[in-house]
Protein backbone atom coordinates (compact mmCIF):
# COMPACT_ATOMS: atom_id res chain seq x y z
CA UNK A 1 0.00 0.00 0.00
CA UNK A 2 1.16 3.48 -0.76
CA UNK A 3 -0.61 6.69 0.16
CA UNK A 4 -1.13 9.10 -2.70
CA UNK A 5 0.05 11.89 -0.42
CA UNK A 6 -2.69 14.11 -1.80
CA UNK A 7 -5.49 12.70 0.25
CA UNK A 8 -4.68 10.52 3.26
CA UNK A 9 -7.91 8.56 2.96
CA UNK A 10 -6.97 7.12 -0.47
CA UNK A 11 -4.30 4.49 -0.96
CA UNK A 12 -2.81 3.07 -4.16
CA UNK A 13 -2.69 -0.72 -4.08
CA UNK A 14 -2.88 -3.86 -6.15
CA UNK A 15 -6.43 -5.22 -6.43
CA UNK A 16 -7.33 -7.87 -3.84
CA UNK A 17 -7.61 -10.48 -6.60
CA UNK A 18 -4.00 -9.91 -7.74
CA UNK A 19 -2.13 -11.64 -4.86
CA UNK A 20 -4.56 -14.55 -5.06
CA UNK A 21 -4.17 -14.90 -8.84
CA UNK A 22 -0.45 -14.23 -9.23
CA UNK A 23 1.09 -15.09 -5.83
CA UNK A 24 -1.24 -17.83 -4.52
CA UNK A 25 -1.91 -15.80 -1.36
CA UNK A 26 -5.13 -16.17 0.57
CA UNK A 27 -5.67 -12.53 1.51
CA UNK A 28 -4.90 -8.97 0.53
CA UNK A 29 -4.26 -5.85 2.54
CA UNK A 30 -7.20 -4.23 0.77
CA UNK A 31 -9.73 -7.06 1.14
CA UNK A 32 -12.15 -4.88 3.13
CA UNK A 33 -11.05 -1.49 1.80
CA UNK A 34 -11.10 -2.00 -1.99
CA UNK A 35 -13.18 0.67 -3.68
CA UNK A 36 -13.52 2.61 -0.42
CA UNK A 37 -9.99 3.75 0.36
CA UNK A 38 -7.83 1.38 -1.75
CA UNK A 39 -7.68 2.01 -5.50
CA UNK A 40 -5.45 1.47 -8.51
CA UNK A 41 -5.26 3.26 -11.86
CA UNK A 42 -8.37 1.44 -13.12
CA UNK A 43 -10.57 2.08 -10.09
CA UNK A 44 -9.45 5.54 -8.96
CA UNK A 45 -11.87 7.34 -11.34
CA UNK A 46 -14.78 5.79 -9.40
CA UNK A 47 -13.46 7.43 -6.22
CA UNK A 48 -14.21 10.83 -7.74
CA UNK A 49 -17.60 9.83 -9.11
CA UNK A 50 -16.75 8.72 -12.65
CA UNK A 51 -18.32 5.52 -13.99
CA UNK A 52 -15.98 2.59 -14.66
CA UNK A 53 -16.79 -0.65 -16.53
CA UNK A 54 -15.37 -3.01 -13.91
CA UNK A 55 -14.56 -2.50 -10.24
CA UNK A 56 -12.13 -5.41 -9.84
CA UNK A 57 -9.10 -3.35 -10.86
CA UNK A 58 -7.69 -6.35 -12.74
CA UNK A 59 -6.47 -4.73 -15.95
CA UNK A 60 -6.87 -7.58 -18.47
CA UNK A 61 -10.60 -7.92 -17.81
CA UNK A 62 -11.02 -4.18 -17.17
CA UNK A 63 -9.56 -3.25 -20.57
CA UNK A 64 -11.73 -5.74 -22.46
CA UNK A 65 -14.84 -4.38 -20.70
CA UNK A 66 -13.74 -0.81 -21.45
CA UNK A 67 -13.48 -1.73 -25.13
CA UNK A 68 -16.91 -3.36 -25.04
CA UNK A 69 -18.23 0.00 -23.81
CA UNK A 70 -16.90 1.62 -27.00
CA UNK A 71 -13.42 2.85 -26.04
CA UNK A 72 -10.84 3.07 -28.82
CA UNK A 73 -7.28 1.74 -28.91
CA UNK A 74 -4.19 3.48 -30.18
CA UNK A 75 -0.91 1.91 -31.18
CA UNK A 76 1.95 3.73 -29.46
CA UNK A 77 5.54 2.56 -29.75
CA UNK A 78 8.90 4.28 -29.43
CA UNK A 79 7.35 7.70 -28.86
CA UNK A 80 5.08 7.67 -31.94
CA UNK A 81 1.49 6.80 -32.80
CA UNK A 82 1.56 4.03 -35.40
CA UNK A 83 -0.94 2.23 -37.59
CA UNK A 84 -2.64 -0.63 -35.70
CA UNK A 85 -1.02 -3.27 -37.91
CA UNK A 86 2.32 -2.37 -36.34
CA UNK A 87 1.13 -3.31 -32.83
CA UNK A 88 1.22 -6.82 -31.48
CA UNK A 89 -0.03 -7.96 -28.12
CA UNK A 90 0.28 -11.72 -28.19
CA UNK A 91 0.24 -11.59 -24.37
CA UNK A 92 -3.41 -10.60 -24.56
CA UNK A 93 -5.04 -11.79 -27.76
CA UNK A 94 -8.55 -11.16 -26.35
CA UNK A 95 -7.69 -7.50 -25.81
CA UNK A 96 -6.30 -7.02 -29.32
CA UNK A 97 -9.24 -8.87 -30.86
CA UNK A 98 -11.64 -6.57 -28.97
CA UNK A 99 -9.82 -3.40 -29.98
CA UNK A 100 -11.33 -0.86 -32.34
CA UNK A 101 -8.29 1.12 -33.35
CA UNK A 102 -8.16 4.86 -33.75
CA UNK A 103 -5.55 5.27 -36.44
CA UNK A 104 -3.17 8.25 -36.43
CA UNK A 105 -4.14 11.14 -38.67
CA UNK A 106 -1.83 11.99 -41.58
CA UNK A 107 -0.95 15.27 -39.82
CA UNK A 108 0.70 13.46 -36.89
C-alpha atoms as a PDB file:
ATOM      1  CA  UNK A   1       0.000   0.000   0.000  1.00  0.00           C
ATOM      2  CA  UNK A   2       1.160   3.483  -0.755  1.00  0.00           C
ATOM      3  CA  UNK A   3      -0.606   6.691   0.163  1.00  0.00           C
ATOM      4  CA  UNK A   4      -1.131   9.104  -2.696  1.00  0.00           C
ATOM      5  CA  UNK A   5       0.052  11.895  -0.420  1.00  0.00           C
ATOM      6  CA  UNK A   6      -2.686  14.109  -1.797  1.00  0.00           C
ATOM      7  CA  UNK A   7      -5.493  12.703   0.254  1.00  0.00           C
ATOM      8  CA  UNK A   8      -4.676  10.521   3.264  1.00  0.00           C
ATOM      9  CA  UNK A   9      -7.907   8.558   2.958  1.00  0.00           C
ATOM     10  CA  UNK A  10      -6.972   7.119  -0.472  1.00  0.00           C
ATOM     11  CA  UNK A  11      -4.304   4.489  -0.957  1.00  0.00           C
ATOM     12  CA  UNK A  12      -2.808   3.073  -4.162  1.00  0.00           C
ATOM     13  CA  UNK A  13      -2.686  -0.721  -4.079  1.00  0.00           C
ATOM     14  CA  UNK A  14      -2.884  -3.860  -6.147  1.00  0.00           C
ATOM     15  CA  UNK A  15      -6.432  -5.219  -6.434  1.00  0.00           C
ATOM     16  CA  UNK A  16      -7.333  -7.867  -3.835  1.00  0.00           C
ATOM     17  CA  UNK A  17      -7.608 -10.475  -6.597  1.00  0.00           C
ATOM     18  CA  UNK A  18      -3.996  -9.912  -7.742  1.00  0.00           C
ATOM     19  CA  UNK A  19      -2.128 -11.636  -4.862  1.00  0.00           C
ATOM     20  CA  UNK A  20      -4.556 -14.550  -5.061  1.00  0.00           C
ATOM     21  CA  UNK A  21      -4.169 -14.904  -8.842  1.00  0.00           C
ATOM     22  CA  UNK A  22      -0.451 -14.228  -9.226  1.00  0.00           C
ATOM     23  CA  UNK A  23       1.091 -15.086  -5.835  1.00  0.00           C
ATOM     24  CA  UNK A  24      -1.236 -17.833  -4.524  1.00  0.00           C
ATOM     25  CA  UNK A  25      -1.914 -15.805  -1.364  1.00  0.00           C
ATOM     26  CA  UNK A  26      -5.135 -16.166   0.574  1.00  0.00           C
ATOM     27  CA  UNK A  27      -5.671 -12.534   1.511  1.00  0.00           C
ATOM     28  CA  UNK A  28      -4.904  -8.973   0.529  1.00  0.00           C
ATOM     29  CA  UNK A  29      -4.259  -5.847   2.543  1.00  0.00           C
ATOM     30  CA  UNK A  30      -7.200  -4.230   0.774  1.00  0.00           C
ATOM     31  CA  UNK A  31      -9.731  -7.058   1.144  1.00  0.00           C
ATOM     32  CA  UNK A  32     -12.154  -4.882   3.127  1.00  0.00           C
ATOM     33  CA  UNK A  33     -11.049  -1.492   1.801  1.00  0.00           C
ATOM     34  CA  UNK A  34     -11.103  -2.004  -1.988  1.00  0.00           C
ATOM     35  CA  UNK A  35     -13.178   0.667  -3.677  1.00  0.00           C
ATOM     36  CA  UNK A  36     -13.525   2.609  -0.420  1.00  0.00           C
ATOM     37  CA  UNK A  37      -9.994   3.749   0.358  1.00  0.00           C
ATOM     38  CA  UNK A  38      -7.833   1.378  -1.752  1.00  0.00           C
ATOM     39  CA  UNK A  39      -7.681   2.013  -5.500  1.00  0.00           C
ATOM     40  CA  UNK A  40      -5.454   1.469  -8.511  1.00  0.00           C
ATOM     41  CA  UNK A  41      -5.260   3.262 -11.865  1.00  0.00           C
ATOM     42  CA  UNK A  42      -8.367   1.438 -13.123  1.00  0.00           C
ATOM     43  CA  UNK A  43     -10.569   2.082 -10.093  1.00  0.00           C
ATOM     44  CA  UNK A  44      -9.449   5.545  -8.962  1.00  0.00           C
ATOM     45  CA  UNK A  45     -11.872   7.341 -11.339  1.00  0.00           C
ATOM     46  CA  UNK A  46     -14.777   5.788  -9.399  1.00  0.00           C
ATOM     47  CA  UNK A  47     -13.461   7.429  -6.215  1.00  0.00           C
ATOM     48  CA  UNK A  48     -14.210  10.832  -7.741  1.00  0.00           C
ATOM     49  CA  UNK A  49     -17.600   9.826  -9.112  1.00  0.00           C
ATOM     50  CA  UNK A  50     -16.751   8.720 -12.652  1.00  0.00           C
ATOM     51  CA  UNK A  51     -18.317   5.517 -13.995  1.00  0.00           C
ATOM     52  CA  UNK A  52     -15.980   2.592 -14.659  1.00  0.00           C
ATOM     53  CA  UNK A  53     -16.795  -0.647 -16.530  1.00  0.00           C
ATOM     54  CA  UNK A  54     -15.366  -3.013 -13.906  1.00  0.00           C
ATOM     55  CA  UNK A  55     -14.564  -2.496 -10.244  1.00  0.00           C
ATOM     56  CA  UNK A  56     -12.134  -5.410  -9.842  1.00  0.00           C
ATOM     57  CA  UNK A  57      -9.104  -3.353 -10.862  1.00  0.00           C
ATOM     58  CA  UNK A  58      -7.691  -6.350 -12.738  1.00  0.00           C
ATOM     59  CA  UNK A  59      -6.467  -4.732 -15.951  1.00  0.00           C
ATOM     60  CA  UNK A  60      -6.870  -7.584 -18.474  1.00  0.00           C
ATOM     61  CA  UNK A  61     -10.603  -7.920 -17.810  1.00  0.00           C
ATOM     62  CA  UNK A  62     -11.018  -4.175 -17.173  1.00  0.00           C
ATOM     63  CA  UNK A  63      -9.565  -3.245 -20.572  1.00  0.00           C
ATOM     64  CA  UNK A  64     -11.728  -5.736 -22.460  1.00  0.00           C
ATOM     65  CA  UNK A  65     -14.844  -4.378 -20.696  1.00  0.00           C
ATOM     66  CA  UNK A  66     -13.738  -0.812 -21.447  1.00  0.00           C
ATOM     67  CA  UNK A  67     -13.483  -1.727 -25.126  1.00  0.00           C
ATOM     68  CA  UNK A  68     -16.914  -3.358 -25.043  1.00  0.00           C
ATOM     69  CA  UNK A  69     -18.230   0.000 -23.809  1.00  0.00           C
ATOM     70  CA  UNK A  70     -16.903   1.623 -26.997  1.00  0.00           C
ATOM     71  CA  UNK A  71     -13.416   2.846 -26.044  1.00  0.00           C
ATOM     72  CA  UNK A  72     -10.836   3.066 -28.822  1.00  0.00           C
ATOM     73  CA  UNK A  73      -7.284   1.745 -28.913  1.00  0.00           C
ATOM     74  CA  UNK A  74      -4.191   3.480 -30.179  1.00  0.00           C
ATOM     75  CA  UNK A  75      -0.905   1.913 -31.183  1.00  0.00           C
ATOM     76  CA  UNK A  76       1.948   3.732 -29.457  1.00  0.00           C
ATOM     77  CA  UNK A  77       5.541   2.556 -29.746  1.00  0.00           C
ATOM     78  CA  UNK A  78       8.897   4.278 -29.435  1.00  0.00           C
ATOM     79  CA  UNK A  79       7.354   7.697 -28.864  1.00  0.00           C
ATOM     80  CA  UNK A  80       5.079   7.667 -31.942  1.00  0.00           C
ATOM     81  CA  UNK A  81       1.494   6.802 -32.795  1.00  0.00           C
ATOM     82  CA  UNK A  82       1.560   4.030 -35.403  1.00  0.00           C
ATOM     83  CA  UNK A  83      -0.943   2.229 -37.593  1.00  0.00           C
ATOM     84  CA  UNK A  84      -2.644  -0.625 -35.701  1.00  0.00           C
ATOM     85  CA  UNK A  85      -1.023  -3.267 -37.908  1.00  0.00           C
ATOM     86  CA  UNK A  86       2.320  -2.365 -36.335  1.00  0.00           C
ATOM     87  CA  UNK A  87       1.132  -3.312 -32.831  1.00  0.00           C
ATOM     88  CA  UNK A  88       1.225  -6.816 -31.477  1.00  0.00           C
ATOM     89  CA  UNK A  89      -0.030  -7.964 -28.125  1.00  0.00           C
ATOM     90  CA  UNK A  90       0.280 -11.717 -28.188  1.00  0.00           C
ATOM     91  CA  UNK A  91       0.244 -11.594 -24.373  1.00  0.00           C
ATOM     92  CA  UNK A  92      -3.414 -10.601 -24.562  1.00  0.00           C
ATOM     93  CA  UNK A  93      -5.042 -11.785 -27.761  1.00  0.00           C
ATOM     94  CA  UNK A  94      -8.549 -11.164 -26.354  1.00  0.00           C
ATOM     95  CA  UNK A  95      -7.690  -7.501 -25.813  1.00  0.00           C
ATOM     96  CA  UNK A  96      -6.296  -7.018 -29.317  1.00  0.00           C
ATOM     97  CA  UNK A  97      -9.240  -8.867 -30.862  1.00  0.00           C
ATOM     98  CA  UNK A  98     -11.644  -6.567 -28.972  1.00  0.00           C
ATOM     99  CA  UNK A  99      -9.815  -3.402 -29.979  1.00  0.00           C
ATOM    100  CA  UNK A 100     -11.330  -0.858 -32.343  1.00  0.00           C
ATOM    101  CA  UNK A 101      -8.294   1.123 -33.352  1.00  0.00           C
ATOM    102  CA  UNK A 102      -8.162   4.860 -33.746  1.00  0.00           C
ATOM    103  CA  UNK A 103      -5.554   5.271 -36.438  1.00  0.00           C
ATOM    104  CA  UNK A 104      -3.168   8.252 -36.435  1.00  0.00           C
ATOM    105  CA  UNK A 105      -4.143  11.140 -38.666  1.00  0.00           C
ATOM    106  CA  UNK A 106      -1.829  11.991 -41.579  1.00  0.00           C
ATOM    107  CA  UNK A 107      -0.950  15.268 -39.821  1.00  0.00           C
ATOM    108  CA  UNK A 108       0.696  13.459 -36.886  1.00  0.00           C
END
